[in-house]
Amino acid sequence: MDAADREVVALVWHGRANGERATAETFRIVADGLAALGAEPELTAMARRAVDDELRHAELCWRLAEYYAARTLPAPRVVALDLPTYDGASDELRHTLHVTAQCCLNETTASAFLERCLRDATDKAARALLRELLSDEVEHARLGWAHLASPRLSTETRQAVASWLPRMAATNARMWGRRPAIAITAAHAAFGVPAWETVDEVVAAAFEELIVPGFRHVGIAITS
């Protein structure tokens, strides 16, 4: 890579480091919600581990960004979370919606995204980290689907999730559609940074091929 390409790749990976750091805080909320619900202990434990996973991801993405940039970059920052309040939802439903949004929607999409990044990447450093991230994100997604399928979750709450899904899916799509002012080209895919058009393609496919069938499998239909 020339200096300009290194800067682009470093900026993207540094942005991912900040995103992973924020996700660690989201998983703290998910874990606390599962504990409050009296969910299966193994699911709460998975959520607690996810906090540590995301902190590790943030560190690794940061270090990879520094490697590409060939200079010191700011450490991943802790940002204030602005989670939806789900006004009118019961406590059980609100906690379940947080799990659903983070795991079933975002982590499932992230798994598909990382799989595509890994498929297109050729750089050894990027491939090694992408494999590690993908392995963890798949487990984080499974956490959400397992909660929705759990017999400890009331039928009433499981059914109530359906009415929130169109708004939640739209929010998730908007998040993945954010475009920082970074000029990404096809050449950057070799370093785990796909073009914006590829991201759009992956997000749409994940929704149709993974997320919708996943909700259907646990008895929840997404309606427009």
Protein backbone atom coordinates (compact mmCIF):
# COMPACT_ATOMS: atom_id res chain seq x y z
CA MET A 1 0.00 0.00 0.00
CA ASP A 2 1.07 3.56 -0.58
CA ALA A 3 0.77 6.15 2.18
CA ALA A 4 -2.70 7.29 1.12
CA ASP A 5 -4.09 3.75 1.12
CA ARG A 6 -2.50 3.02 4.47
CA GLU A 7 -4.22 6.08 5.90
CA VAL A 8 -7.62 4.96 4.62
CA VAL A 9 -7.26 1.44 5.97
CA ALA A 10 -5.95 2.70 9.31
CA LEU A 11 -8.84 5.14 9.69
CA VAL A 12 -11.40 2.41 9.07
CA TRP A 13 -9.83 -0.02 11.51
CA HIS A 14 -9.48 2.74 14.09
CA GLY A 15 -13.17 3.52 13.68
CA ARG A 16 -13.91 -0.15 14.24
CA ALA A 17 -11.89 -0.03 17.45
CA ASN A 18 -14.12 2.74 18.76
CA GLY A 19 -17.20 0.83 17.66
CA GLU A 20 -16.09 -2.32 19.45
CA ARG A 21 -15.38 -0.32 22.61
CA ALA A 22 -18.91 1.09 22.53
CA THR A 23 -20.34 -2.38 21.94
CA ALA A 24 -18.68 -3.60 25.13
CA GLU A 25 -20.83 -1.14 27.07
CA THR A 26 -23.93 -2.27 25.21
CA PHE A 27 -23.23 -5.84 26.24
CA ARG A 28 -22.99 -4.76 29.86
CA ILE A 29 -26.59 -3.61 29.54
CA VAL A 30 -27.57 -6.82 27.75
CA ALA A 31 -25.98 -8.93 30.48
CA ASP A 32 -27.63 -6.94 33.27
CA GLY A 33 -30.98 -7.26 31.50
CA LEU A 34 -30.66 -11.03 31.15
CA ALA A 35 -29.75 -11.30 34.83
CA ALA A 36 -32.78 -9.20 35.77
CA LEU A 37 -34.99 -11.48 33.70
CA GLY A 38 -33.69 -14.61 35.37
CA ALA A 39 -32.55 -15.92 32.01
CA GLU A 40 -30.59 -19.14 31.76
CA PRO A 41 -27.30 -18.63 33.64
CA GLU A 42 -25.31 -19.73 30.60
CA LEU A 43 -26.86 -16.94 28.52
CA THR A 44 -26.04 -14.31 31.12
CA ALA A 45 -22.52 -15.71 31.31
CA MET A 46 -22.21 -15.51 27.53
CA ALA A 47 -23.20 -11.85 27.67
CA ARG A 48 -20.63 -11.15 30.39
CA ARG A 49 -17.97 -12.81 28.26
CA ALA A 50 -19.09 -10.72 25.31
CA VAL A 51 -18.12 -7.59 27.25
CA ASP A 52 -14.57 -8.92 27.53
CA ASP A 53 -14.64 -10.05 23.89
CA GLU A 54 -15.55 -6.57 22.69
CA LEU A 55 -12.90 -4.92 24.84
CA ARG A 56 -10.35 -7.29 23.32
CA HIS A 57 -11.69 -6.55 19.84
CA ALA A 58 -11.28 -2.84 20.47
CA GLU A 59 -7.67 -3.32 21.52
CA LEU A 60 -6.85 -5.54 18.55
CA CYS A 61 -8.51 -3.25 16.00
CA TRP A 62 -6.65 -0.29 17.49
CA ARG A 63 -3.31 -2.08 17.27
CA LEU A 64 -3.98 -3.13 13.68
CA ALA A 65 -4.88 0.45 12.81
CA GLU A 66 -1.58 1.61 14.30
CA TYR A 67 0.24 -1.08 12.34
CA TYR A 68 -1.22 0.17 9.07
CA ALA A 69 -0.78 3.83 10.00
CA ALA A 70 2.80 3.25 11.20
CA ARG A 71 2.19 5.72 14.01
CA THR A 72 0.51 5.98 17.40
CA LEU A 73 -3.25 6.49 17.33
CA PRO A 74 -5.60 7.47 20.17
CA ALA A 75 -6.88 4.60 22.29
CA PRO A 76 -10.49 3.53 21.72
CA ARG A 77 -12.72 5.96 23.53
CA VAL A 78 -15.67 5.30 25.81
CA VAL A 79 -18.74 7.07 24.51
CA ALA A 80 -22.06 7.73 26.23
CA LEU A 81 -24.65 5.24 25.04
CA ASP A 82 -27.90 6.46 23.57
CA LEU A 83 -30.01 3.31 23.68
CA PRO A 84 -33.71 3.35 22.79
CA THR A 85 -36.05 3.49 25.76
CA TYR A 86 -38.84 1.42 24.18
CA ASP A 87 -41.52 3.54 25.78
CA GLY A 88 -44.50 1.56 26.96
CA ALA A 89 -42.68 -1.77 27.02
CA SER A 90 -42.71 -3.92 30.15
CA ASP A 91 -39.39 -4.61 31.85
CA GLU A 92 -39.28 -8.12 30.39
CA LEU A 93 -39.99 -6.81 26.91
CA ARG A 94 -37.54 -3.91 27.20
CA HIS A 95 -34.68 -6.17 28.29
CA THR A 96 -35.56 -8.61 25.52
CA LEU A 97 -35.61 -5.84 22.93
CA HIS A 98 -32.11 -4.77 23.95
CA VAL A 99 -30.92 -8.37 23.49
CA THR A 100 -32.75 -8.65 20.19
CA ALA A 101 -31.36 -5.40 18.78
CA GLN A 102 -27.77 -6.08 19.77
CA CYS A 103 -27.53 -9.80 19.11
CA CYS A 104 -30.16 -10.88 16.60
CA LEU A 105 -29.93 -7.77 14.45
CA ASN A 106 -26.51 -6.16 14.85
CA GLU A 107 -24.31 -9.14 15.68
CA THR A 108 -25.94 -11.31 13.02
CA THR A 109 -25.31 -8.57 10.47
CA ALA A 110 -21.76 -8.14 11.77
CA SER A 111 -21.10 -11.86 11.34
CA ALA A 112 -22.15 -11.70 7.70
CA PHE A 113 -20.09 -8.56 7.19
CA LEU A 114 -16.95 -10.05 8.72
CA GLU A 115 -17.38 -13.23 6.71
CA ARG A 116 -17.41 -11.16 3.53
CA CYS A 117 -14.40 -9.12 4.70
CA LEU A 118 -12.49 -12.33 5.36
CA ARG A 119 -13.45 -13.76 1.98
CA ASP A 120 -12.01 -10.75 0.16
CA ALA A 121 -9.00 -10.03 2.37
CA THR A 122 -5.52 -11.20 1.40
CA ASP A 123 -3.37 -9.36 3.94
CA LYS A 124 -2.23 -11.81 6.64
CA ALA A 125 -2.65 -9.38 9.54
CA ALA A 126 -6.18 -8.46 8.50
CA ARG A 127 -7.19 -12.08 7.89
CA ALA A 128 -5.95 -13.21 11.29
CA LEU A 129 -7.94 -10.55 13.12
CA LEU A 130 -11.05 -11.02 10.96
CA ARG A 131 -11.11 -14.73 11.79
CA GLU A 132 -10.97 -13.95 15.51
CA LEU A 133 -13.67 -11.29 15.31
CA LEU A 134 -15.95 -13.49 13.23
CA SER A 135 -15.70 -16.42 15.64
CA ASP A 136 -16.78 -14.23 18.55
CA GLU A 137 -19.53 -12.34 16.71
CA VAL A 138 -21.20 -15.58 15.64
CA GLU A 139 -21.40 -16.57 19.31
CA HIS A 140 -22.78 -13.17 20.25
CA ALA A 141 -25.50 -13.51 17.64
CA ARG A 142 -26.40 -16.99 18.89
CA LEU A 143 -26.93 -15.53 22.35
CA GLY A 144 -29.85 -13.45 21.10
CA TRP A 145 -31.49 -16.23 19.16
CA ALA A 146 -31.14 -18.57 22.15
CA HIS A 147 -32.87 -16.03 24.39
CA LEU A 148 -35.80 -15.63 22.01
CA ALA A 149 -36.16 -19.41 21.81
CA SER A 150 -35.89 -19.88 25.57
CA PRO A 151 -38.83 -21.43 27.44
CA ARG A 152 -38.16 -18.91 30.20
CA LEU A 153 -39.30 -16.11 27.93
CA SER A 154 -43.05 -15.63 28.11
CA THR A 155 -45.13 -16.21 25.00
CA GLU A 156 -46.64 -12.77 25.47
CA THR A 157 -43.24 -11.07 25.37
CA ARG A 158 -42.05 -13.15 22.42
CA GLN A 159 -45.13 -12.12 20.47
CA ALA A 160 -44.77 -8.49 21.51
CA VAL A 161 -41.27 -8.36 20.02
CA ALA A 162 -42.82 -8.60 16.54
CA SER A 163 -44.49 -5.20 16.76
CA TRP A 164 -41.14 -3.50 17.46
CA LEU A 165 -39.13 -5.27 14.78
CA PRO A 166 -39.85 -2.99 11.79
CA ARG A 167 -38.55 0.03 13.69
CA MET A 168 -35.60 -1.89 15.12
CA ALA A 169 -34.64 -3.32 11.73
CA ALA A 170 -34.81 0.16 10.18
CA THR A 171 -32.58 1.55 12.94
CA ASN A 172 -30.06 -1.24 12.42
CA ALA A 173 -30.02 -0.63 8.67
CA ARG A 174 -29.44 3.10 9.21
CA MET A 175 -26.54 2.37 11.52
CA TRP A 176 -24.89 0.13 8.94
CA GLY A 177 -25.59 2.75 6.31
CA ARG A 178 -23.56 5.48 7.99
CA ARG A 179 -20.81 6.71 5.73
CA PRO A 180 -17.79 8.43 7.30
CA ALA A 181 -15.93 10.72 4.94
CA ILE A 182 -13.38 8.11 3.87
CA ALA A 183 -12.74 7.32 0.21
CA ILE A 184 -12.72 3.53 0.07
CA THR A 185 -11.78 1.78 -3.17
CA ALA A 186 -11.84 -1.85 -4.31
CA ALA A 187 -8.14 -2.15 -3.49
CA HIS A 188 -8.79 -1.72 0.23
CA ALA A 189 -10.78 -4.96 0.44
CA ALA A 190 -7.48 -6.85 0.58
CA PHE A 191 -6.97 -5.30 4.02
CA GLY A 192 -10.44 -6.07 5.38
CA VAL A 193 -12.03 -2.82 4.24
CA PRO A 194 -14.73 -3.45 1.62
CA ALA A 195 -16.29 -0.78 -0.58
CA TRP A 196 -19.49 0.87 0.63
CA GLU A 197 -21.46 -0.89 -2.12
CA THR A 198 -20.29 -4.23 -0.75
CA VAL A 199 -21.40 -3.27 2.75
CA ASP A 200 -24.88 -2.41 1.45
CA GLU A 201 -25.04 -5.73 -0.38
CA VAL A 202 -24.01 -7.72 2.69
CA VAL A 203 -26.45 -5.93 5.01
CA ALA A 204 -29.38 -6.54 2.66
CA ALA A 205 -28.47 -10.19 2.20
CA ALA A 206 -28.02 -10.74 5.95
CA PHE A 207 -31.48 -9.39 6.61
CA GLU A 208 -33.18 -11.55 4.00
CA GLU A 209 -31.14 -14.71 4.39
CA LEU A 210 -30.30 -14.79 8.09
CA ILE A 211 -32.36 -12.40 10.16
CA VAL A 212 -35.84 -12.91 8.74
CA PRO A 213 -35.47 -16.73 8.77
CA GLY A 214 -34.03 -16.53 12.27
CA PHE A 215 -37.06 -14.73 13.63
CA ARG A 216 -39.33 -17.10 11.76
CA HIS A 217 -37.52 -20.04 13.37
CA VAL A 218 -38.29 -18.74 16.88
CA GLY A 219 -41.92 -18.03 15.96
CA ILE A 220 -41.69 -14.29 15.29
CA ALA A 221 -42.72 -12.73 12.01
CA ILE A 222 -41.38 -9.38 10.82
CA THR A 223 -44.26 -7.34 9.43
CA SER A 224 -43.99 -4.05 7.55
